[in-house]
């Protein structure tokens, strides 16, 4: 199951985020899904809230492409380290977009519902 879970996370990062294919998220998230996004995004609950976050991000970040650098899976969790590249095109946290390119990395922990 771990390889399948890692593939789901890679699909989300490479297609849904990088190519704005938010339709790929349908059916992947439980109704009680929680996204903890820190100061920039806060906490969101439910799959539709996450889709709205991604749609908003596409107005703030242009030409965004993300790749998965590392992944570790154990039991029902996948830890992923993505690296993203894009352009700051819109306001985020009160800072205006300036069109400059940036690179960002993160550590994500994705918990899957146990089978059954």
PDB file of N, CA and C in Angstrom:
ATOM      1  N   UNK A   1       0.821  -1.203   0.000  1.00  0.00           N
ATOM      2  CA  UNK A   1       0.000   0.000   0.000  1.00  0.00           C
ATOM      3  C   UNK A   1       0.855   1.254   0.000  1.00  0.00           C
ATOM      4  N   UNK A   2       2.039   1.217   0.590  1.00  0.00           N
ATOM      5  CA  UNK A   2       2.886   2.406   0.696  1.00  0.00           C
ATOM      6  C   UNK A   2       3.240   2.999  -0.661  1.00  0.00           C
ATOM      7  N   UNK A   3       3.571   2.143  -1.627  1.00  0.00           N
ATOM      8  CA  UNK A   3       3.926   2.658  -2.954  1.00  0.00           C
ATOM      9  C   UNK A   3       2.731   3.330  -3.617  1.00  0.00           C
ATOM     10  N   UNK A   4       1.551   2.778  -3.426  1.00  0.00           N
ATOM     11  CA  UNK A   4       0.337   3.380  -3.980  1.00  0.00           C
ATOM     12  C   UNK A   4       0.071   4.744  -3.340  1.00  0.00           C
ATOM     13  N   UNK A   5       0.255   4.835  -2.031  1.00  0.00           N
ATOM     14  CA  UNK A   5       0.056   6.104  -1.332  1.00  0.00           C
ATOM     15  C   UNK A   5       1.079   7.144  -1.780  1.00  0.00           C
ATOM     16  N   UNK A   6       2.323   6.738  -1.960  1.00  0.00           N
ATOM     17  CA  UNK A   6       3.347   7.668  -2.447  1.00  0.00           C
ATOM     18  C   UNK A   6       2.987   8.165  -3.844  1.00  0.00           C
ATOM     19  N   UNK A   7       2.473   7.273  -4.687  1.00  0.00           N
ATOM     20  CA  UNK A   7       2.086   7.663  -6.049  1.00  0.00           C
ATOM     21  C   UNK A   7       0.936   8.671  -6.023  1.00  0.00           C
ATOM     22  N   UNK A   8       0.000   8.518  -5.099  1.00  0.00           N
ATOM     23  CA  UNK A   8      -1.108   9.469  -4.982  1.00  0.00           C
ATOM     24  C   UNK A   8      -0.572  10.849  -4.615  1.00  0.00           C
ATOM     25  N   UNK A   9       0.344  10.913  -3.664  1.00  0.00           N
ATOM     26  CA  UNK A   9       0.915  12.208  -3.269  1.00  0.00           C
ATOM     27  C   UNK A   9       1.678  12.825  -4.438  1.00  0.00           C
ATOM     28  N   UNK A  10       2.449  12.021  -5.176  1.00  0.00           N
ATOM     29  CA  UNK A  10       3.179  12.549  -6.348  1.00  0.00           C
ATOM     30  C   UNK A  10       2.214  13.077  -7.399  1.00  0.00           C
ATOM     31  N   UNK A  11       1.102  12.374  -7.633  1.00  0.00           N
ATOM     32  CA  UNK A  11       0.092  12.827  -8.591  1.00  0.00           C
ATOM     33  C   UNK A  11      -0.459  14.188  -8.180  1.00  0.00           C
ATOM     34  N   UNK A  12      -0.783  14.334  -6.906  1.00  0.00           N
ATOM     35  CA  UNK A  12      -1.316  15.609  -6.416  1.00  0.00           C
ATOM     36  C   UNK A  12      -0.308  16.723  -6.628  1.00  0.00           C
ATOM     37  N   UNK A  13       0.945  16.486  -6.276  1.00  0.00           N
ATOM     38  CA  UNK A  13       1.974  17.531  -6.370  1.00  0.00           C
ATOM     39  C   UNK A  13       2.282  17.872  -7.831  1.00  0.00           C
ATOM     40  N   UNK A  14       2.448  16.864  -8.685  1.00  0.00           N
ATOM     41  CA  UNK A  14       2.886  17.101 -10.066  1.00  0.00           C
ATOM     42  C   UNK A  14       1.764  17.550 -10.988  1.00  0.00           C
ATOM     43  N   UNK A  15       0.569  17.061 -10.784  1.00  0.00           N
ATOM     44  CA  UNK A  15      -0.515  17.363 -11.704  1.00  0.00           C
ATOM     45  C   UNK A  15      -1.505  18.385 -11.142  1.00  0.00           C
ATOM     46  N   UNK A  16      -2.053  18.097  -9.967  1.00  0.00           N
ATOM     47  CA  UNK A  16      -3.091  18.982  -9.412  1.00  0.00           C
ATOM     48  C   UNK A  16      -2.523  20.357  -9.081  1.00  0.00           C
ATOM     49  N   UNK A  17      -1.325  20.407  -8.497  1.00  0.00           N
ATOM     50  CA  UNK A  17      -0.739  21.697  -8.136  1.00  0.00           C
ATOM     51  C   UNK A  17      -0.037  22.345  -9.323  1.00  0.00           C
ATOM     52  N   UNK A  18       0.884  21.622  -9.930  1.00  0.00           N
ATOM     53  CA  UNK A  18       1.719  22.204 -10.982  1.00  0.00           C
ATOM     54  C   UNK A  18       0.953  22.525 -12.253  1.00  0.00           C
ATOM     55  N   UNK A  19      -0.093  21.772 -12.542  1.00  0.00           N
ATOM     56  CA  UNK A  19      -0.827  21.958 -13.800  1.00  0.00           C
ATOM     57  C   UNK A  19      -2.257  22.424 -13.569  1.00  0.00           C
ATOM     58  N   UNK A  20      -2.563  22.833 -12.324  1.00  0.00           N
ATOM     59  CA  UNK A  20      -3.906  23.314 -11.974  1.00  0.00           C
ATOM     60  C   UNK A  20      -4.992  22.323 -12.372  1.00  0.00           C
ATOM     61  N   UNK A  21      -4.731  21.041 -12.198  1.00  0.00           N
ATOM     62  CA  UNK A  21      -5.704  19.981 -12.486  1.00  0.00           C
ATOM     63  C   UNK A  21      -6.425  19.614 -11.193  1.00  0.00           C
ATOM     64  N   UNK A  22      -7.215  20.533 -10.691  1.00  0.00           N
ATOM     65  CA  UNK A  22      -7.887  20.339  -9.407  1.00  0.00           C
ATOM     66  C   UNK A  22      -8.939  19.236  -9.458  1.00  0.00           C
ATOM     67  N   UNK A  23      -9.405  18.896 -10.654  1.00  0.00           N
ATOM     68  CA  UNK A  23     -10.370  17.807 -10.795  1.00  0.00           C
ATOM     69  C   UNK A  23      -9.786  16.469 -10.361  1.00  0.00           C
ATOM     70  N   UNK A  24      -8.459  16.335 -10.401  1.00  0.00           N
ATOM     71  CA  UNK A  24      -7.818  15.099  -9.977  1.00  0.00           C
ATOM     72  C   UNK A  24      -7.977  14.844  -8.485  1.00  0.00           C
ATOM     73  N   UNK A  25      -8.348  15.872  -7.742  1.00  0.00           N
ATOM     74  CA  UNK A  25      -8.487  15.731  -6.296  1.00  0.00           C
ATOM     75  C   UNK A  25      -9.806  15.082  -5.900  1.00  0.00           C
ATOM     76  N   UNK A  26     -10.772  15.065  -6.820  1.00  0.00           N
ATOM     77  CA  UNK A  26     -12.089  14.499  -6.510  1.00  0.00           C
ATOM     78  C   UNK A  26     -11.956  13.053  -6.063  1.00  0.00           C
ATOM     79  N   UNK A  27     -12.520  12.755  -4.917  1.00  0.00           N
ATOM     80  CA  UNK A  27     -12.507  11.405  -4.390  1.00  0.00           C
ATOM     81  C   UNK A  27     -11.262  11.010  -3.626  1.00  0.00           C
ATOM     82  N   UNK A  28     -10.245  11.873  -3.596  1.00  0.00           N
ATOM     83  CA  UNK A  28      -9.005  11.539  -2.886  1.00  0.00           C
ATOM     84  C   UNK A  28      -9.021  11.974  -1.419  1.00  0.00           C
ATOM     85  N   UNK A  29      -9.854  12.936  -1.076  1.00  0.00           N
ATOM     86  CA  UNK A  29      -9.838  13.506   0.265  1.00  0.00           C
ATOM     87  C   UNK A  29     -11.120  13.192   1.017  1.00  0.00           C
ATOM     88  N   UNK A  30     -10.975  12.825   2.286  1.00  0.00           N
ATOM     89  CA  UNK A  30     -12.130  12.594   3.147  1.00  0.00           C
ATOM     90  C   UNK A  30     -12.776  13.930   3.493  1.00  0.00           C
ATOM     91  N   UNK A  31     -14.052  13.882   3.867  1.00  0.00           N
ATOM     92  CA  UNK A  31     -14.772  15.103   4.228  1.00  0.00           C
ATOM     93  C   UNK A  31     -14.134  15.821   5.415  1.00  0.00           C
ATOM     94  N   UNK A  32     -13.459  15.080   6.289  1.00  0.00           N
ATOM     95  CA  UNK A  32     -12.822  15.696   7.459  1.00  0.00           C
ATOM     96  C   UNK A  32     -11.339  15.979   7.231  1.00  0.00           C
ATOM     97  N   UNK A  33     -10.909  15.961   5.948  1.00  0.00           N
ATOM     98  CA  UNK A  33      -9.526  16.276   5.615  1.00  0.00           C
ATOM     99  C   UNK A  33      -9.139  17.627   6.219  1.00  0.00           C
ATOM    100  N   UNK A  34      -7.936  17.696   6.821  1.00  0.00           N
ATOM    101  CA  UNK A  34      -7.455  18.949   7.414  1.00  0.00           C
ATOM    102  C   UNK A  34      -6.128  19.324   6.790  1.00  0.00           C
ATOM    103  N   UNK A  35      -6.022  20.567   6.366  1.00  0.00           N
ATOM    104  CA  UNK A  35      -4.781  21.126   5.822  1.00  0.00           C
ATOM    105  C   UNK A  35      -4.295  22.160   6.823  1.00  0.00           C
ATOM    106  N   UNK A  36      -3.063  21.990   7.296  1.00  0.00           N
ATOM    107  CA  UNK A  36      -2.467  22.922   8.256  1.00  0.00           C
ATOM    108  C   UNK A  36      -1.402  23.722   7.510  1.00  0.00           C
ATOM    109  N   UNK A  37      -1.749  24.953   7.094  1.00  0.00           N
ATOM    110  CA  UNK A  37      -0.878  25.724   6.224  1.00  0.00           C
ATOM    111  C   UNK A  37      -0.120  26.857   6.877  1.00  0.00           C
ATOM    112  N   UNK A  38      -0.067  26.902   8.181  1.00  0.00           N
ATOM    113  CA  UNK A  38       0.713  27.940   8.854  1.00  0.00           C
ATOM    114  C   UNK A  38       0.146  29.330   8.630  1.00  0.00           C
ATOM    115  N   UNK A  39       1.011  30.313   8.791  1.00  0.00           N
ATOM    116  CA  UNK A  39       0.589  31.717   8.715  1.00  0.00           C
ATOM    117  C   UNK A  39       0.033  32.097   7.347  1.00  0.00           C
ATOM    118  N   UNK A  40       0.562  31.518   6.306  1.00  0.00           N
ATOM    119  CA  UNK A  40       0.146  31.904   4.962  1.00  0.00           C
ATOM    120  C   UNK A  40      -1.264  31.437   4.624  1.00  0.00           C
ATOM    121  N   UNK A  41      -1.641  30.239   5.078  1.00  0.00           N
ATOM    122  CA  UNK A  41      -2.903  29.662   4.628  1.00  0.00           C
ATOM    123  C   UNK A  41      -3.845  29.240   5.755  1.00  0.00           C
ATOM    124  N   UNK A  42      -3.363  29.178   6.965  1.00  0.00           N
ATOM    125  CA  UNK A  42      -4.212  28.777   8.078  1.00  0.00           C
ATOM    126  C   UNK A  42      -4.583  27.307   8.007  1.00  0.00           C
ATOM    127  N   UNK A  43      -5.666  26.951   8.671  1.00  0.00           N
ATOM    128  CA  UNK A  43      -6.143  25.574   8.679  1.00  0.00           C
ATOM    129  C   UNK A  43      -7.434  25.486   7.881  1.00  0.00           C
ATOM    130  N   UNK A  44      -7.484  24.527   6.985  1.00  0.00           N
ATOM    131  CA  UNK A  44      -8.653  24.320   6.145  1.00  0.00           C
ATOM    132  C   UNK A  44      -9.187  22.914   6.380  1.00  0.00           C
ATOM    133  N   UNK A  45     -10.499  22.762   6.308  1.00  0.00           N
ATOM    134  CA  UNK A  45     -11.105  21.447   6.492  1.00  0.00           C
ATOM    135  C   UNK A  45     -11.974  21.118   5.293  1.00  0.00           C
ATOM    136  N   UNK A  46     -11.802  19.911   4.796  1.00  0.00           N
ATOM    137  CA  UNK A  46     -12.620  19.412   3.700  1.00  0.00           C
ATOM    138  C   UNK A  46     -11.963  19.582   2.348  1.00  0.00           C
ATOM    139  N   UNK A  47     -12.312  18.718   1.411  1.00  0.00           N
ATOM    140  CA  UNK A  47     -11.694  18.753   0.086  1.00  0.00           C
ATOM    141  C   UNK A  47     -11.982  20.023  -0.703  1.00  0.00           C
ATOM    142  N   UNK A  48     -13.170  20.589  -0.566  1.00  0.00           N
ATOM    143  CA  UNK A  48     -13.493  21.802  -1.336  1.00  0.00           C
ATOM    144  C   UNK A  48     -12.671  22.992  -0.858  1.00  0.00           C
ATOM    145  N   UNK A  49     -12.413  23.054   0.442  1.00  0.00           N
ATOM    146  CA  UNK A  49     -11.575  24.142   0.978  1.00  0.00           C
ATOM    147  C   UNK A  49     -10.166  24.044   0.410  1.00  0.00           C
ATOM    148  N   UNK A  50      -9.656  22.821   0.275  1.00  0.00           N
ATOM    149  CA  UNK A  50      -8.321  22.642  -0.280  1.00  0.00           C
ATOM    150  C   UNK A  50      -8.293  23.047  -1.756  1.00  0.00           C
ATOM    151  N   UNK A  51      -9.334  22.704  -2.500  1.00  0.00           N
ATOM    152  CA  UNK A  51      -9.416  23.116  -3.907  1.00  0.00           C
ATOM    153  C   UNK A  51      -9.430  24.648  -4.027  1.00  0.00           C
ATOM    154  N   UNK A  52     -10.173  25.305  -3.149  1.00  0.00           N
ATOM    155  CA  UNK A  52     -10.222  26.769  -3.173  1.00  0.00           C
ATOM    156  C   UNK A  52      -8.849  27.358  -2.870  1.00  0.00           C
ATOM    157  N   UNK A  53      -8.113  26.744  -1.955  1.00  0.00           N
ATOM    158  CA  UNK A  53      -6.752  27.192  -1.661  1.00  0.00           C
ATOM    159  C   UNK A  53      -5.891  27.107  -2.914  1.00  0.00           C
ATOM    160  N   UNK A  54      -5.966  25.979  -3.617  1.00  0.00           N
ATOM    161  CA  UNK A  54      -5.160  25.809  -4.824  1.00  0.00           C
ATOM    162  C   UNK A  54      -5.549  26.808  -5.904  1.00  0.00           C
ATOM    163  N   UNK A  55      -6.834  27.078  -6.047  1.00  0.00           N
ATOM    164  CA  UNK A  55      -7.270  28.067  -7.030  1.00  0.00           C
ATOM    165  C   UNK A  55      -6.743  29.448  -6.668  1.00  0.00           C
ATOM    166  N   UNK A  56      -6.757  29.780  -5.387  1.00  0.00           N
ATOM    167  CA  UNK A  56      -6.214  31.059  -4.941  1.00  0.00           C
ATOM    168  C   UNK A  56      -4.715  31.155  -5.158  1.00  0.00           C
ATOM    169  N   UNK A  57      -4.017  30.042  -4.923  1.00  0.00           N
ATOM    170  CA  UNK A  57      -2.568  30.035  -5.128  1.00  0.00           C
ATOM    171  C   UNK A  57      -2.205  30.320  -6.580  1.00  0.00           C
ATOM    172  N   UNK A  58      -3.031  29.843  -7.505  1.00  0.00           N
ATOM    173  CA  UNK A  58      -2.721  30.057  -8.915  1.00  0.00           C
ATOM    174  C   UNK A  58      -2.801  31.532  -9.297  1.00  0.00           C
ATOM    175  N   UNK A  59      -3.469  32.345  -8.463  1.00  0.00           N
ATOM    176  CA  UNK A  59      -3.524  33.785  -8.706  1.00  0.00           C
ATOM    177  C   UNK A  59      -2.356  34.518  -8.059  1.00  0.00           C
ATOM    178  N   UNK A  60      -1.664  33.857  -7.172  1.00  0.00           N
ATOM    179  CA  UNK A  60      -0.536  34.457  -6.446  1.00  0.00           C
ATOM    180  C   UNK A  60       0.798  33.995  -7.025  1.00  0.00           C
ATOM    181  N   UNK A  61       0.823  32.762  -7.517  1.00  0.00           N
ATOM    182  CA  UNK A  61       2.054  32.152  -8.015  1.00  0.00           C
ATOM    183  C   UNK A  61       1.847  31.752  -9.468  1.00  0.00           C
ATOM    184  N   UNK A  62       2.713  32.239 -10.343  1.00  0.00           N
ATOM    185  CA  UNK A  62       2.627  31.907 -11.755  1.00  0.00           C
ATOM    186  C   UNK A  62       3.693  30.920 -12.175  1.00  0.00           C
ATOM    187  N   UNK A  63       3.434  30.195 -13.242  1.00  0.00           N
ATOM    188  CA  UNK A  63       4.393  29.242 -13.818  1.00  0.00           C
ATOM    189  C   UNK A  63       4.927  28.264 -12.781  1.00  0.00           C
ATOM    190  N   UNK A  64       4.063  27.820 -11.884  1.00  0.00           N
ATOM    191  CA  UNK A  64       4.512  26.967 -10.790  1.00  0.00           C
ATOM    192  C   UNK A  64       4.685  25.527 -11.241  1.00  0.00           C
ATOM    193  N   UNK A  65       5.826  24.967 -10.915  1.00  0.00           N
ATOM    194  CA  UNK A  65       6.124  23.565 -11.186  1.00  0.00           C
ATOM    195  C   UNK A  65       6.734  22.985  -9.920  1.00  0.00           C
ATOM    196  N   UNK A  66       6.244  21.817  -9.543  1.00  0.00           N
ATOM    197  CA  UNK A  66       6.739  21.194  -8.320  1.00  0.00           C
ATOM    198  C   UNK A  66       7.158  19.766  -8.609  1.00  0.00           C
ATOM    199  N   UNK A  67       8.256  19.365  -8.004  1.00  0.00           N
ATOM    200  CA  UNK A  67       8.733  17.996  -8.116  1.00  0.00           C
ATOM    201  C   UNK A  67       8.927  17.434  -6.710  1.00  0.00           C
ATOM    202  N   UNK A  68       8.792  16.126  -6.608  1.00  0.00           N
ATOM    203  CA  UNK A  68       9.008  15.460  -5.336  1.00  0.00           C
ATOM    204  C   UNK A  68      10.479  15.058  -5.275  1.00  0.00           C
ATOM    205  N   UNK A  69      11.177  15.571  -4.278  1.00  0.00           N
ATOM    206  CA  UNK A  69      12.597  15.272  -4.094  1.00  0.00           C
ATOM    207  C   UNK A  69      12.801  13.982  -3.295  1.00  0.00           C
ATOM    208  N   UNK A  70      12.014  13.806  -2.237  1.00  0.00           N
ATOM    209  CA  UNK A  70      12.137  12.632  -1.372  1.00  0.00           C
ATOM    210  C   UNK A  70      10.766  12.221  -0.872  1.00  0.00           C
ATOM    211  N   UNK A  71      10.614  10.914  -0.611  1.00  0.00           N
ATOM    212  CA  UNK A  71       9.391  10.404   0.016  1.00  0.00           C
ATOM    213  C   UNK A  71       9.741   9.206   0.897  1.00  0.00           C
ATOM    214  N   UNK A  72       9.063   9.145   2.032  1.00  0.00           N
ATOM    215  CA  UNK A  72       9.186   8.008   2.943  1.00  0.00           C
ATOM    216  C   UNK A  72       7.768   7.626   3.335  1.00  0.00           C
ATOM    217  N   UNK A  73       7.468   6.337   3.303  1.00  0.00           N
ATOM    218  CA  UNK A  73       6.139   5.877   3.677  1.00  0.00           C
ATOM    219  C   UNK A  73       6.250   4.802   4.747  1.00  0.00           C
ATOM    220  N   UNK A  74       5.341   4.900   5.712  1.00  0.00           N
ATOM    221  CA  UNK A  74       5.247   3.873   6.750  1.00  0.00           C
ATOM    222  C   UNK A  74       3.818   3.852   7.267  1.00  0.00           C
ATOM    223  N   UNK A  75       3.283   2.661   7.394  1.00  0.00           N
ATOM    224  CA  UNK A  75       1.903   2.474   7.842  1.00  0.00           C
ATOM    225  C   UNK A  75       0.980   3.292   6.940  1.00  0.00           C
ATOM    226  N   UNK A  76       0.201   4.224   7.510  1.00  0.00           N
ATOM    227  CA  UNK A  76      -0.753   4.991   6.703  1.00  0.00           C
ATOM    228  C   UNK A  76      -0.260   6.414   6.418  1.00  0.00           C
ATOM    229  N   UNK A  77       1.044   6.690   6.600  1.00  0.00           N
ATOM    230  CA  UNK A  77       1.564   8.049   6.397  1.00  0.00           C
ATOM    231  C   UNK A  77       2.650   8.085   5.338  1.00  0.00           C
ATOM    232  N   UNK A  78       2.650   9.203   4.598  1.00  0.00           N
ATOM    233  CA  UNK A  78       3.691   9.466   3.612  1.00  0.00           C
ATOM    234  C   UNK A  78       4.294  10.827   3.942  1.00  0.00           C
ATOM    235  N   UNK A  79       5.618  10.858   4.076  1.00  0.00           N
ATOM    236  CA  UNK A  79       6.341  12.111   4.286  1.00  0.00           C
ATOM    237  C   UNK A  79       6.984  12.468   2.957  1.00  0.00           C
ATOM    238  N   UNK A  80       6.739  13.689   2.497  1.00  0.00           N
ATOM    239  CA  UNK A  80       7.192  14.125   1.178  1.00  0.00           C
ATOM    240  C   UNK A  80       7.952  15.442   1.307  1.00  0.00           C
ATOM    241  N   UNK A  81       9.066  15.542   0.567  1.00  0.00           N
ATOM    242  CA  UNK A  81       9.804  16.808   0.481  1.00  0.00           C
ATOM    243  C   UNK A  81       9.754  17.280  -0.973  1.00  0.00           C
ATOM    244  N   UNK A  82       8.819  18.217  -1.260  1.00  0.00           N
ATOM    245  CA  UNK A  82       8.742  18.749  -2.624  1.00  0.00           C
ATOM    246  C   UNK A  82       9.615  19.997  -2.784  1.00  0.00           C
ATOM    247  N   UNK A  83       9.967  20.279  -4.023  1.00  0.00           N
ATOM    248  CA  UNK A  83      10.674  21.519  -4.376  1.00  0.00           C
ATOM    249  C   UNK A  83       9.853  22.171  -5.479  1.00  0.00           C
ATOM    250  N   UNK A  84       9.463  23.423  -5.253  1.00  0.00           N
ATOM    251  CA  UNK A  84       8.654  24.137  -6.227  1.00  0.00           C
ATOM    252  C   UNK A  84       9.370  25.360  -6.770  1.00  0.00           C
ATOM    253  N   UNK A  85       9.090  25.673  -8.016  1.00  0.00           N
ATOM    254  CA  UNK A  85       9.635  26.858  -8.686  1.00  0.00           C
ATOM    255  C   UNK A  85       8.471  27.619  -9.298  1.00  0.00           C
ATOM    256  N   UNK A  86       8.508  28.929  -9.196  1.00  0.00           N
ATOM    257  CA  UNK A  86       7.457  29.733  -9.788  1.00  0.00           C
ATOM    258  C   UNK A  86       7.816  31.205  -9.773  1.00  0.00           C
ATOM    259  N   UNK A  87       6.807  32.040 -10.083  1.00  0.00           N
ATOM    260  CA  UNK A  87       6.976  33.494 -10.067  1.00  0.00           C
ATOM    261  C   UNK A  87       5.956  34.093  -9.114  1.00  0.00           C
ATOM    262  N   UNK A  88       6.397  35.071  -8.343  1.00  0.00           N
ATOM    263  CA  UNK A  88       5.506  35.787  -7.426  1.00  0.00           C
ATOM    264  C   UNK A  88       4.719  36.813  -8.241  1.00  0.00           C
ATOM    265  N   UNK A  89       3.427  36.533  -8.485  1.00  0.00           N
ATOM    266  CA  UNK A  89       2.647  37.429  -9.345  1.00  0.00           C
ATOM    267  C   UNK A  89       1.520  38.151  -8.616  1.00  0.00           C
ATOM    268  N   UNK A  90       1.179  37.679  -7.418  1.00  0.00           N
ATOM    269  CA  UNK A  90       0.081  38.302  -6.678  1.00  0.00           C
ATOM    270  C   UNK A  90       0.462  38.517  -5.226  1.00  0.00           C
ATOM    271  N   UNK A  91      -0.405  39.211  -4.509  1.00  0.00           N
ATOM    272  CA  UNK A  91      -0.132  39.543  -3.111  1.00  0.00           C
ATOM    273  C   UNK A  91      -0.304  38.330  -2.210  1.00  0.00           C
ATOM    274  N   UNK A  92       0.658  38.152  -1.297  1.00  0.00           N
ATOM    275  CA  UNK A  92       0.594  37.096  -0.298  1.00  0.00           C
ATOM    276  C   UNK A  92       1.089  37.648   1.020  1.00  0.00           C
ATOM    277  N   UNK A  93       0.264  37.539   2.052  1.00  0.00           N
ATOM    278  CA  UNK A  93       0.597  38.050   3.384  1.00  0.00           C
ATOM    279  C   UNK A  93       0.986  39.523   3.351  1.00  0.00           C
ATOM    280  N   UNK A  94       0.297  40.295   2.525  1.00  0.00           N
ATOM    281  CA  UNK A  94       0.539  41.728   2.460  1.00  0.00           C
ATOM    282  C   UNK A  94       1.718  42.150   1.604  1.00  0.00           C
ATOM    283  N   UNK A  95       2.395  41.188   0.977  1.00  0.00           N
ATOM    284  CA  UNK A  95       3.543  41.497   0.119  1.00  0.00           C
ATOM    285  C   UNK A  95       3.098  41.371  -1.330  1.00  0.00           C
ATOM    286  N   UNK A  96       3.270  42.434  -2.082  1.00  0.00           N
ATOM    287  CA  UNK A  96       2.855  42.447  -3.485  1.00  0.00           C
ATOM    288  C   UNK A  96       3.744  41.541  -4.318  1.00  0.00           C
ATOM    289  N   UNK A  97       3.149  40.917  -5.333  1.00  0.00           N
ATOM    290  CA  UNK A  97       3.927  40.128  -6.276  1.00  0.00           C
ATOM    291  C   UNK A  97       4.850  41.033  -7.076  1.00  0.00           C
ATOM    292  N   UNK A  98       6.044  40.533  -7.373  1.00  0.00           N
ATOM    293  CA  UNK A  98       7.015  41.352  -8.093  1.00  0.00           C
ATOM    294  C   UNK A  98       7.497  40.702  -9.388  1.00  0.00           C
ATOM    295  N   UNK A  99       6.922  39.555  -9.735  1.00  0.00           N
ATOM    296  CA  UNK A  99       7.309  38.869 -10.957  1.00  0.00           C
ATOM    297  C   UNK A  99       8.614  38.103 -10.870  1.00  0.00           C
ATOM    298  N   UNK A 100       9.251  38.137  -9.724  1.00  0.00           N
ATOM    299  CA  UNK A 100      10.530  37.428  -9.567  1.00  0.00           C
ATOM    300  C   UNK A 100      10.304  35.933  -9.385  1.00  0.00           C
ATOM    301  N   UNK A 101      11.267  35.177  -9.866  1.00  0.00           N
ATOM    302  CA  UNK A 101      11.224  33.731  -9.697  1.00  0.00           C
ATOM    303  C   UNK A 101      11.660  33.361  -8.286  1.00  0.00           C
ATOM    304  N   UNK A 102      11.144  32.243  -7.807  1.00  0.00           N
ATOM    305  CA  UNK A 102      11.522  31.758  -6.486  1.00  0.00           C
ATOM    306  C   UNK A 102      11.561  30.236  -6.497  1.00  0.00           C
ATOM    307  N   UNK A 103      12.230  29.700  -5.504  1.00  0.00           N
ATOM    308  CA  UNK A 103      12.261  28.266  -5.251  1.00  0.00           C
ATOM    309  C   UNK A 103      11.862  28.065  -3.805  1.00  0.00           C
ATOM    310  N   UNK A 104      11.052  27.055  -3.549  1.00  0.00           N
ATOM    311  CA  UNK A 104      10.613  26.773  -2.187  1.00  0.00           C
ATOM    312  C   UNK A 104      10.617  25.270  -1.950  1.00  0.00           C
ATOM    313  N   UNK A 105      10.913  24.888  -0.729  1.00  0.00           N
ATOM    314  CA  UNK A 105      10.819  23.491  -0.338  1.00  0.00           C
ATOM    315  C   UNK A 105       9.918  23.386   0.886  1.00  0.00           C
ATOM    316  N   UNK A 106       9.437  22.195   1.148  1.00  0.00           N
ATOM    317  CA  UNK A 106       8.563  21.976   2.301  1.00  0.00           C
ATOM    318  C   UNK A 106       8.703  20.529   2.744  1.00  0.00           C
ATOM    319  N   UNK A 107       8.191  20.252   3.907  1.00  0.00           N
ATOM    320  CA  UNK A 107       8.038  18.884   4.388  1.00  0.00           C
ATOM    321  C   UNK A 107       6.544  18.682   4.618  1.00  0.00           C
ATOM    322  N   UNK A 108       5.973  17.691   3.968  1.00  0.00           N
ATOM    323  CA  UNK A 108       4.544  17.415   4.069  1.00  0.00           C
ATOM    324  C   UNK A 108       4.334  16.039   4.691  1.00  0.00           C
ATOM    325  N   UNK A 109       3.393  15.940   5.588  1.00  0.00           N
ATOM    326  CA  UNK A 109       3.006  14.646   6.143  1.00  0.00           C
ATOM    327  C   UNK A 109       1.562  14.403   5.735  1.00  0.00           C
ATOM    328  N   UNK A 110       1.346  13.350   4.966  1.00  0.00           N
ATOM    329  CA  UNK A 110       0.015  13.008   4.498  1.00  0.00           C
ATOM    330  C   UNK A 110      -0.413  11.721   5.194  1.00  0.00           C
ATOM    331  N   UNK A 111      -1.532  11.783   5.889  1.00  0.00           N
ATOM    332  CA  UNK A 111      -2.086  10.605   6.564  1.00  0.00           C
ATOM    333  C   UNK A 111      -3.267  10.090   5.771  1.00  0.00           C
ATOM    334  N   UNK A 112      -3.244   8.818   5.463  1.00  0.00           N
ATOM    335  CA  UNK A 112      -4.326   8.171   4.737  1.00  0.00           C
ATOM    336  C   UNK A 112      -5.211   7.439   5.733  1.00  0.00           C
ATOM    337  N   UNK A 113      -6.506   7.374   5.427  1.00  0.00           N
ATOM    338  CA  UNK A 113      -7.414   6.588   6.270  1.00  0.00           C
ATOM    339  C   UNK A 113      -6.995   5.126   6.169  1.00  0.00           C
ATOM    340  N   UNK A 114      -7.013   4.424   7.293  1.00  0.00           N
ATOM    341  CA  UNK A 114      -6.666   3.000   7.233  1.00  0.00           C
ATOM    342  C   UNK A 114      -7.685   2.245   6.373  1.00  0.00           C
ATOM    343  N   UNK A 115      -7.248   1.198   5.682  1.00  0.00           N
ATOM    344  CA  UNK A 115      -8.183   0.439   4.854  1.00  0.00           C
ATOM    345  C   UNK A 115      -9.276  -0.204   5.714  1.00  0.00           C
ATOM    346  N   UNK A 116     -10.440  -0.344   5.089  1.00  0.00           N
ATOM    347  CA  UNK A 116     -11.518  -1.050   5.779  1.00  0.00           C
ATOM    348  C   UNK A 116     -12.631  -0.227   6.196  1.00  0.00           C
TER     349      UNK A 116
END
